Each structure stands twice: as structure tokens, then as C-alpha cells.
Amino acid sequence: MAERLKQAHDRVHALNVSADAKTALTRQLLIVTEAAKRDLPEAARRLSRFVQDLDEGRPPVV
């Protein structure tokens, strides 16, 4: 899970979007990180959905 979160953060930082958009996406990843402390399976589902949305060019919503 930690490696997947790191990869997602790296992808967000590499995006060619505004600083505000990157900040919003980073915050969403931090929400997933916090969720992992309480409910790892749910956090994994959220992260998978986040990455899928990135892959499909949709703005991820956690």
C-alpha cells in the first residue's frame, strides 16, 4: 500500500496541471493515507479508484 501511495503521489506531481489542481489531488491522497490507518481494505479501494480515474483522465474524487 505504501508503495502504491508513493507512486500515486509521483504521478500527481508529474501532471501538467495547475498548482491548485495538484494541491487538491495531493489532499485527496492524504485522505487515502489517513483512511489506511483505520481501514486498510477501504483505503486500498479508494486508492485503486483514484488511480483508475487518473488513468482515464477524469479528476479523481475520493
C-alpha atoms as a PDB file:
ATOM      1  CA  MET A   1       0.000   0.000   0.000  1.00  0.00           C
ATOM      2  CA  ALA A   2       2.784   2.428   0.884  1.00  0.00           C
ATOM      3  CA  GLU A   3       4.478   1.869  -2.471  1.00  0.00           C
ATOM      4  CA  ARG A   4       1.192   2.375  -4.338  1.00  0.00           C
ATOM      5  CA  LEU A   5       0.596   5.649  -2.470  1.00  0.00           C
ATOM      6  CA  LYS A   6       4.116   6.825  -3.302  1.00  0.00           C
ATOM      7  CA  GLN A   7       3.578   6.015  -6.985  1.00  0.00           C
ATOM      8  CA  ALA A   8       0.263   7.901  -6.968  1.00  0.00           C
ATOM      9  CA  HIS A   9       1.944  10.939  -5.376  1.00  0.00           C
ATOM     10  CA  ASP A  10       4.707  10.790  -8.001  1.00  0.00           C
ATOM     11  CA  ARG A  11       2.097  10.682 -10.765  1.00  0.00           C
ATOM     12  CA  VAL A  12       0.250  13.671  -9.345  1.00  0.00           C
ATOM     13  CA  HIS A  13       3.449  15.697  -9.097  1.00  0.00           C
ATOM     14  CA  ALA A  14       4.278  14.849 -12.734  1.00  0.00           C
ATOM     15  CA  LEU A  15       0.900  16.023 -14.054  1.00  0.00           C
ATOM     16  CA  ASN A  16       0.773  19.097 -16.248  1.00  0.00           C
ATOM     17  CA  VAL A  17      -1.998  20.836 -14.302  1.00  0.00           C
ATOM     18  CA  SER A  18      -2.287  23.964 -12.194  1.00  0.00           C
ATOM     19  CA  ALA A  19      -0.796  24.171  -8.728  1.00  0.00           C
ATOM     20  CA  ASP A  20      -4.323  24.329  -7.305  1.00  0.00           C
ATOM     21  CA  ALA A  21      -5.262  21.092  -9.067  1.00  0.00           C
ATOM     22  CA  LYS A  22      -2.115  19.363  -7.775  1.00  0.00           C
ATOM     23  CA  THR A  23      -2.877  20.588  -4.269  1.00  0.00           C
ATOM     24  CA  ALA A  24      -6.410  19.214  -4.454  1.00  0.00           C
ATOM     25  CA  LEU A  25      -5.205  15.842  -5.749  1.00  0.00           C
ATOM     26  CA  THR A  26      -2.499  15.664  -3.077  1.00  0.00           C
ATOM     27  CA  ARG A  27      -5.111  16.347  -0.418  1.00  0.00           C
ATOM     28  CA  GLN A  28      -7.211  13.501  -1.772  1.00  0.00           C
ATOM     29  CA  LEU A  29      -4.206  11.192  -1.484  1.00  0.00           C
ATOM     30  CA  LEU A  30      -3.666  12.340   2.090  1.00  0.00           C
ATOM     31  CA  ILE A  31      -7.264  11.366   2.828  1.00  0.00           C
ATOM     32  CA  VAL A  32      -6.494   7.882   1.491  1.00  0.00           C
ATOM     33  CA  THR A  33      -3.359   7.771   3.644  1.00  0.00           C
ATOM     34  CA  GLU A  34      -5.360   8.657   6.749  1.00  0.00           C
ATOM     35  CA  ALA A  35      -8.006   6.063   5.860  1.00  0.00           C
ATOM     36  CA  ALA A  36      -5.265   3.422   5.643  1.00  0.00           C
ATOM     37  CA  LYS A  37      -4.561   3.928   9.334  1.00  0.00           C
ATOM     38  CA  ARG A  38      -8.102   2.849  10.214  1.00  0.00           C
ATOM     39  CA  ASP A  39      -9.332   0.652   7.373  1.00  0.00           C
ATOM     40  CA  LEU A  40      -6.683  -0.708   5.023  1.00  0.00           C
ATOM     41  CA  PRO A  41      -9.059  -2.529   2.630  1.00  0.00           C
ATOM     42  CA  GLU A  42     -11.193   0.610   2.195  1.00  0.00           C
ATOM     43  CA  ALA A  43      -8.103   2.738   1.646  1.00  0.00           C
ATOM     44  CA  ALA A  44      -6.893   0.284  -0.991  1.00  0.00           C
ATOM     45  CA  ARG A  45     -10.240   0.537  -2.778  1.00  0.00           C
ATOM     46  CA  ARG A  46     -10.095   4.343  -2.655  1.00  0.00           C
ATOM     47  CA  LEU A  47      -6.555   4.354  -3.998  1.00  0.00           C
ATOM     48  CA  SER A  48      -7.470   1.985  -6.825  1.00  0.00           C
ATOM     49  CA  ARG A  49     -10.387   4.243  -7.766  1.00  0.00           C
ATOM     50  CA  PHE A  50      -8.111   7.323  -7.602  1.00  0.00           C
ATOM     51  CA  VAL A  51      -5.504   5.724  -9.889  1.00  0.00           C
ATOM     52  CA  GLN A  52      -8.174   4.450 -12.288  1.00  0.00           C
ATOM     53  CA  ASP A  53      -9.597   7.956 -12.566  1.00  0.00           C
ATOM     54  CA  LEU A  54      -6.107   9.313 -13.267  1.00  0.00           C
ATOM     55  CA  ASP A  55      -5.602   6.623 -15.940  1.00  0.00           C
ATOM     56  CA  GLU A  56      -8.895   7.547 -17.590  1.00  0.00           C
ATOM     57  CA  GLY A  57      -8.231  11.284 -17.477  1.00  0.00           C
ATOM     58  CA  ARG A  58     -11.016  12.026 -15.017  1.00  0.00           C
ATOM     59  CA  PRO A  59     -10.430  14.144 -11.965  1.00  0.00           C
ATOM     60  CA  PRO A  60     -10.265  11.667  -9.075  1.00  0.00           C
ATOM     61  CA  VAL A  61     -12.819  12.035  -6.316  1.00  0.00           C
ATOM     62  CA  VAL A  62     -12.122  10.143  -3.112  1.00  0.00           C
END
